[in-house]
Amino acid sequence: MDINRVHPELRKATGSFPKLPVTSGLGRKITRLLLPLLLPKAKTQDGTTIAWVKTSGGQRLRVFTPTSTKTKAALLYIHGGGMMIGTPNMDDVLLSRIATELDIVIVSPEYRLAPENPYPAAIDDCNEAWHWMLANAANYNIDTKRIAIGGESAGGGLAAGSVLRIHDEGGTQPIAQWLLCPMLDDRTALDRSLDEVDHFIWNNKLNLAGWTSYLGSQIGADDVSAYAAPSRRKDLKGLPKAWIGVGDIELFYEEDRKYAEALKAAGVACELDVVAGGPHAFEGMAPEAQVSKDYMARAKAWLKKALES
């Protein structure tokens, strides 16, 4: 892809971002160690504490707690990484800032990664984190009717899948879904014409590695669960309102646009925020760019309003 298609404010960061060697076992191990060091550093926010806690099942959760929590609202936020890499603490800056600015508790699960732990390990862990939040709501001054679920990239796909699973389980439901460039459709990875485009940051060869790690030989099969690949869901009625943000030059643009349209067609309120010249996860790669600041301001404003309703 021509670098000139990237928004001018994002070109330097995009061009200097290294290729992620996640298609091999050794490459994944190295990337898992180095990824937090590749992301821009900034101070976490005063007024919010960050702590690890464990569920009864032994899963670790990264919990961001603002000083006051007067809003009583909360967010279950799921980190990205193509199902193969990533940790909750790589989002410390982003999540501590959101917790402080919106005065909400945020819980981010350290879900099990593929291929060592294929589907349904990650979605099971996210579901466990959701039920932990419900069970521990009183301890964190959380109103269980005002919890949103969100995430970025693979985390956005897991967030959307979690919303579907919770809907089908019944009981307490999330008030909103907040999806940043979500990874929603395994069938995208099987479109070999996309390999030639070579999208920045996350291309289709990496996408194939991610989906294959998660689904194995089931990738592309007719019976892939919508909890794994939310775009497979035919009936989206009754889901909570949604916000989907995505750049128009990134690999997931088409599947994200189609999911937003499907939600709207099912009567679900959905706002699609498309950033011209935005590559994958640009707001985390270049957080100080004005286009990233404006994008995140819109995203947080939507989330704030959604949690207040």
Protein backbone atom coordinates (compact mmCIF):
# COMPACT_ATOMS: atom_id res chain seq x y z
CA MET A 1 0.00 0.00 0.00
CA ASP A 2 1.22 3.48 -0.89
CA ILE A 3 2.21 5.47 2.22
CA ASN A 4 0.59 8.51 0.63
CA ARG A 5 -2.80 6.95 1.33
CA VAL A 6 -2.12 7.34 5.05
CA HIS A 7 -3.28 10.52 6.76
CA PRO A 8 -0.34 13.01 6.75
CA GLU A 9 -0.28 13.19 10.55
CA LEU A 10 0.07 9.40 10.77
CA ARG A 11 2.64 8.70 8.06
CA LYS A 12 5.79 8.88 10.17
CA ALA A 13 4.50 6.54 12.87
CA THR A 14 3.00 4.19 10.28
CA GLY A 15 6.14 4.01 8.18
CA SER A 16 8.37 3.32 11.17
CA PHE A 17 6.20 0.65 12.79
CA PRO A 18 8.01 -2.70 12.50
CA LYS A 19 6.61 -5.81 10.89
CA LEU A 20 5.26 -8.13 13.58
CA PRO A 21 6.82 -11.63 13.25
CA VAL A 22 3.83 -13.46 14.68
CA THR A 23 3.52 -16.18 12.05
CA SER A 24 6.10 -18.38 13.84
CA GLY A 25 6.26 -19.62 17.40
CA LEU A 26 9.56 -17.90 18.13
CA GLY A 27 8.33 -14.70 16.52
CA ARG A 28 5.23 -14.68 18.70
CA LYS A 29 7.31 -15.15 21.84
CA ILE A 30 9.58 -12.27 20.90
CA THR A 31 6.65 -10.03 19.94
CA ARG A 32 4.85 -10.79 23.20
CA LEU A 33 7.91 -9.59 25.08
CA LEU A 34 8.63 -6.53 22.95
CA LEU A 35 5.17 -5.23 22.00
CA PRO A 36 4.71 -3.08 25.12
CA LEU A 37 8.05 -1.42 24.34
CA LEU A 38 6.94 -0.50 20.80
CA LEU A 39 3.97 1.56 21.93
CA PRO A 40 4.30 5.28 22.75
CA LYS A 41 4.82 6.00 26.43
CA ALA A 42 3.01 8.59 28.50
CA LYS A 43 2.22 9.08 32.16
CA THR A 44 -0.73 7.23 33.58
CA GLN A 45 -3.38 9.44 35.11
CA ASP A 46 -3.38 10.67 38.68
CA GLY A 47 -6.57 9.84 40.48
CA THR A 48 -6.85 6.29 39.16
CA THR A 49 -5.35 3.22 40.79
CA ILE A 50 -4.27 0.20 38.76
CA ALA A 51 -4.18 -3.27 40.26
CA TRP A 52 -4.13 -6.91 39.26
CA VAL A 53 -6.83 -9.12 40.75
CA LYS A 54 -7.63 -12.79 40.18
CA THR A 55 -10.92 -14.49 39.50
CA SER A 56 -11.87 -17.67 41.31
CA GLY A 57 -10.76 -19.51 38.17
CA GLY A 58 -7.28 -17.98 38.40
CA GLN A 59 -7.58 -15.52 35.52
CA ARG A 60 -5.83 -12.19 36.05
CA LEU A 61 -7.76 -8.96 35.51
CA ARG A 62 -6.28 -5.48 35.25
CA VAL A 63 -8.60 -3.15 37.22
CA PHE A 64 -8.56 0.64 36.83
CA THR A 65 -10.39 2.39 39.67
CA PRO A 66 -10.88 6.18 39.75
CA THR A 67 -10.87 7.93 43.11
CA SER A 68 -14.54 8.82 43.26
CA THR A 69 -16.54 6.43 41.00
CA LYS A 70 -19.52 8.72 41.48
CA THR A 71 -20.93 7.74 38.09
CA LYS A 72 -21.15 4.06 39.14
CA ALA A 73 -20.53 3.15 35.49
CA ALA A 74 -17.95 0.68 34.20
CA LEU A 75 -16.30 -0.74 31.10
CA LEU A 76 -15.08 -4.25 30.36
CA TYR A 77 -12.25 -3.51 27.91
CA ILE A 78 -10.52 -6.27 25.92
CA HIS A 79 -7.04 -5.72 24.50
CA GLY A 80 -6.02 -6.40 20.92
CA GLY A 81 -3.25 -8.47 19.38
CA GLY A 82 -4.72 -10.67 16.66
CA MET A 83 -5.65 -13.34 19.25
CA MET A 84 -1.94 -14.20 19.51
CA ILE A 85 -0.23 -11.36 21.36
CA GLY A 86 -0.94 -8.50 23.75
CA THR A 87 -1.55 -7.92 27.46
CA PRO A 88 -3.90 -5.65 29.44
CA ASN A 89 -1.06 -3.51 30.81
CA MET A 90 -0.07 -2.35 27.33
CA ASP A 91 -3.25 -0.24 27.52
CA ASP A 92 -2.45 1.30 30.92
CA VAL A 93 -2.10 4.83 29.54
CA LEU A 94 -5.31 4.71 27.51
CA LEU A 95 -7.42 3.02 30.15
CA SER A 96 -6.20 5.05 33.11
CA ARG A 97 -6.99 8.19 31.12
CA ILE A 98 -10.48 6.99 30.24
CA ALA A 99 -11.14 5.87 33.82
CA THR A 100 -10.13 9.29 35.12
CA GLU A 101 -11.86 11.41 32.48
CA LEU A 102 -15.14 9.48 32.51
CA ASP A 103 -14.97 8.51 36.20
CA ILE A 104 -15.61 4.84 35.48
CA VAL A 105 -14.16 1.55 36.65
CA ILE A 106 -12.44 -0.41 33.87
CA VAL A 107 -11.65 -4.12 33.95
CA SER A 108 -9.34 -5.62 31.32
CA PRO A 109 -8.93 -9.43 31.24
CA GLU A 110 -5.66 -11.21 30.62
CA TYR A 111 -7.30 -13.75 28.36
CA ARG A 112 -5.48 -16.83 27.11
CA LEU A 113 -3.73 -16.43 23.77
CA ALA A 114 -3.75 -18.62 20.66
CA PRO A 115 -2.48 -20.89 19.24
CA GLU A 116 -1.61 -22.38 22.62
CA ASN A 117 -5.20 -21.74 23.67
CA PRO A 118 -7.55 -21.84 20.66
CA TYR A 119 -11.26 -21.01 20.57
CA PRO A 120 -13.17 -20.87 22.89
CA ALA A 121 -10.47 -20.07 25.48
CA ALA A 122 -10.36 -16.30 24.91
CA ILE A 123 -14.12 -15.78 24.76
CA ASP A 124 -14.55 -18.00 27.83
CA ASP A 125 -12.09 -15.79 29.71
CA CYS A 126 -13.91 -12.63 28.64
CA ASN A 127 -17.18 -14.17 29.79
CA GLU A 128 -15.60 -15.02 33.13
CA ALA A 129 -14.45 -11.40 33.48
CA TRP A 130 -17.99 -10.18 32.78
CA HIS A 131 -19.46 -12.37 35.50
CA TRP A 132 -16.68 -11.33 37.88
CA MET A 133 -17.70 -7.70 37.34
CA LEU A 134 -21.31 -8.52 38.12
CA ALA A 135 -20.39 -10.49 41.24
CA ASN A 136 -18.01 -7.81 42.53
CA ALA A 137 -20.02 -4.75 41.50
CA ALA A 138 -20.76 -3.68 45.07
CA ASN A 139 -17.07 -3.73 45.99
CA TYR A 140 -16.28 -1.27 43.18
CA ASN A 141 -19.44 0.87 43.40
CA ILE A 142 -20.64 -0.33 39.98
CA ASP A 143 -24.23 -0.19 38.77
CA THR A 144 -24.56 -3.49 36.88
CA LYS A 145 -27.05 -1.88 34.51
CA ARG A 146 -24.40 0.62 33.39
CA ILE A 147 -21.54 -1.55 32.16
CA ALA A 148 -20.31 -1.31 28.58
CA ILE A 149 -18.14 -3.84 26.77
CA GLY A 150 -15.43 -2.65 24.43
CA GLY A 151 -12.09 -3.43 22.89
CA GLU A 152 -9.74 -2.87 19.99
CA SER A 153 -8.90 -5.11 17.02
CA ALA A 154 -9.05 -8.74 18.23
CA GLY A 155 -10.31 -7.29 21.51
CA GLY A 156 -13.06 -5.51 19.61
CA GLY A 157 -14.06 -8.81 18.03
CA LEU A 158 -14.03 -10.49 21.44
CA ALA A 159 -16.13 -7.63 22.80
CA ALA A 160 -18.71 -8.05 20.05
CA GLY A 161 -18.69 -11.82 20.53
CA SER A 162 -19.09 -11.39 24.28
CA VAL A 163 -22.11 -9.18 23.73
CA LEU A 164 -23.69 -11.90 21.57
CA ARG A 165 -22.95 -14.61 24.13
CA ILE A 166 -24.28 -12.57 27.05
CA HIS A 167 -27.41 -11.76 25.05
CA ASP A 168 -28.01 -15.46 24.45
CA GLU A 169 -27.35 -16.35 28.09
CA GLY A 170 -29.94 -13.87 29.30
CA GLY A 171 -29.72 -12.05 32.62
CA THR A 172 -27.96 -8.72 33.11
CA GLN A 173 -26.96 -7.16 29.80
CA PRO A 174 -24.28 -4.60 28.87
CA ILE A 175 -25.61 -1.12 28.18
CA ALA A 176 -23.40 -0.55 25.13
CA GLN A 177 -20.67 -1.99 22.92
CA TRP A 178 -17.64 0.17 22.09
CA LEU A 179 -15.66 -1.33 19.22
CA LEU A 180 -12.40 0.08 17.89
CA CYS A 181 -11.39 -1.43 14.51
CA PRO A 182 -12.85 -4.78 15.56
CA MET A 183 -11.66 -8.09 14.05
CA LEU A 184 -15.03 -9.64 13.20
CA ASP A 185 -14.86 -12.03 10.24
CA ASP A 186 -12.55 -15.02 9.72
CA ARG A 187 -13.54 -15.14 6.04
CA THR A 188 -11.59 -11.94 5.34
CA ALA A 189 -8.38 -13.87 6.02
CA LEU A 190 -9.20 -16.33 3.24
CA ASP A 191 -9.41 -13.64 0.55
CA ARG A 192 -5.97 -13.95 -1.01
CA SER A 193 -6.47 -10.83 -3.17
CA LEU A 194 -6.11 -8.80 0.01
CA ASP A 195 -2.56 -10.09 0.50
CA GLU A 196 -1.45 -7.97 -2.44
CA VAL A 197 -2.77 -4.78 -0.85
CA ASP A 198 -0.40 -5.30 2.10
CA HIS A 199 -2.27 -3.07 4.55
CA PHE A 200 -0.19 -1.15 7.05
CA ILE A 201 0.28 -2.39 10.64
CA TRP A 202 -1.98 -5.46 10.24
CA ASN A 203 -2.11 -7.08 6.81
CA ASN A 204 -4.04 -10.10 5.62
CA LYS A 205 -1.14 -12.53 6.01
CA LEU A 206 -1.00 -11.62 9.70
CA ASN A 207 -4.79 -11.84 9.78
CA LEU A 208 -4.65 -15.38 8.42
CA ALA A 209 -2.11 -16.31 11.08
CA GLY A 210 -4.36 -14.87 13.78
CA TRP A 211 -7.55 -16.58 12.68
CA THR A 212 -5.79 -19.88 12.00
CA SER A 213 -4.22 -19.76 15.46
CA TYR A 214 -7.64 -19.20 17.00
CA LEU A 215 -9.85 -21.46 14.86
CA GLY A 216 -7.39 -23.97 13.41
CA SER A 217 -8.76 -25.97 10.50
CA GLN A 218 -12.24 -24.60 11.16
CA ILE A 219 -11.37 -21.19 9.66
CA GLY A 220 -13.86 -20.41 6.91
CA ALA A 221 -16.12 -23.35 7.76
CA ASP A 222 -19.88 -22.86 7.58
CA ASP A 223 -20.35 -23.64 11.27
CA VAL A 224 -17.87 -21.17 12.76
CA SER A 225 -19.49 -19.74 15.88
CA ALA A 226 -20.58 -16.10 15.92
CA TYR A 227 -19.01 -15.88 19.37
CA ALA A 228 -15.68 -16.34 17.57
CA ALA A 229 -16.51 -14.35 14.44
CA PRO A 230 -19.44 -11.98 15.14
CA SER A 231 -19.98 -11.22 11.44
CA ARG A 232 -21.37 -14.77 11.16
CA ARG A 233 -24.41 -13.74 13.23
CA LYS A 234 -27.59 -13.51 11.18
CA ASP A 235 -29.93 -12.21 13.91
CA LEU A 236 -28.64 -9.06 15.63
CA LYS A 237 -31.94 -7.89 17.06
CA GLY A 238 -32.05 -6.82 20.68
CA LEU A 239 -28.36 -6.05 21.09
CA PRO A 240 -27.14 -2.95 22.96
CA LYS A 241 -26.31 0.24 21.08
CA ALA A 242 -22.93 0.28 19.40
CA TRP A 243 -20.10 2.54 18.34
CA ILE A 244 -17.65 1.27 15.73
CA GLY A 245 -14.54 3.23 14.82
CA VAL A 246 -12.28 2.32 11.91
CA GLY A 247 -9.89 3.83 9.37
CA ASP A 248 -10.89 3.68 5.72
CA ILE A 249 -7.58 2.22 4.51
CA GLU A 250 -7.29 -0.60 6.98
CA LEU A 251 -7.92 -4.30 6.48
CA PHE A 252 -11.03 -4.46 8.67
CA TYR A 253 -12.81 -1.48 7.13
CA GLU A 254 -15.22 -3.47 4.96
CA GLU A 255 -16.16 -6.06 7.58
CA ASP A 256 -16.65 -3.32 10.18
CA ARG A 257 -18.79 -1.23 7.83
CA LYS A 258 -20.94 -4.25 6.98
CA TYR A 259 -21.39 -5.13 10.66
CA ALA A 260 -22.50 -1.58 11.43
CA GLU A 261 -25.01 -1.75 8.58
CA ALA A 262 -26.29 -5.13 9.79
CA LEU A 263 -26.76 -3.77 13.31
CA LYS A 264 -28.72 -0.81 11.99
CA ALA A 265 -30.84 -3.06 9.78
CA ALA A 266 -31.69 -5.10 12.89
CA GLY A 267 -32.87 -1.97 14.69
CA VAL A 268 -29.77 -1.54 16.84
CA ALA A 269 -28.58 2.04 17.26
CA CYS A 270 -25.07 2.10 15.81
CA GLU A 271 -22.67 4.94 15.08
CA LEU A 272 -19.93 4.23 12.54
CA ASP A 273 -16.96 6.60 12.79
CA VAL A 274 -14.70 6.33 9.73
CA VAL A 275 -11.33 8.11 9.74
CA ALA A 276 -9.93 9.01 6.34
CA GLY A 277 -6.38 7.74 5.91
CA GLY A 278 -6.46 5.82 9.16
CA PRO A 279 -4.44 2.57 9.26
CA HIS A 280 -5.10 -0.15 11.80
CA ALA A 281 -5.12 0.95 15.46
CA PHE A 282 -3.66 4.33 14.51
CA GLU A 283 -4.83 6.05 17.69
CA GLY A 284 -2.58 3.84 19.81
CA MET A 285 0.35 4.03 17.42
CA ALA A 286 0.24 7.85 17.14
CA PRO A 287 -1.79 9.09 20.13
CA GLU A 288 -0.43 12.64 19.96
CA ALA A 289 -1.51 13.22 16.35
CA GLN A 290 -4.45 15.60 16.20
CA VAL A 291 -6.45 13.16 14.08
CA SER A 292 -6.00 10.54 16.82
CA LYS A 293 -6.97 12.99 19.56
CA ASP A 294 -10.09 14.05 17.68
CA TYR A 295 -11.05 10.44 17.01
CA MET A 296 -10.65 9.41 20.65
CA ALA A 297 -12.51 12.51 21.82
CA ARG A 298 -15.49 11.43 19.71
CA ALA A 299 -15.19 7.86 20.92
CA LYS A 300 -15.07 8.86 24.59
CA ALA A 301 -17.92 11.35 24.19
CA TRP A 302 -20.10 8.59 22.75
CA LEU A 303 -19.14 6.19 25.54
CA LYS A 304 -19.81 8.80 28.22
CA LYS A 305 -23.27 9.50 26.84
CA ALA A 306 -24.03 5.79 26.45
CA LEU A 307 -23.13 5.09 30.07
CA GLU A 308 -25.31 7.95 31.29
CA SER A 309 -28.47 6.72 29.55
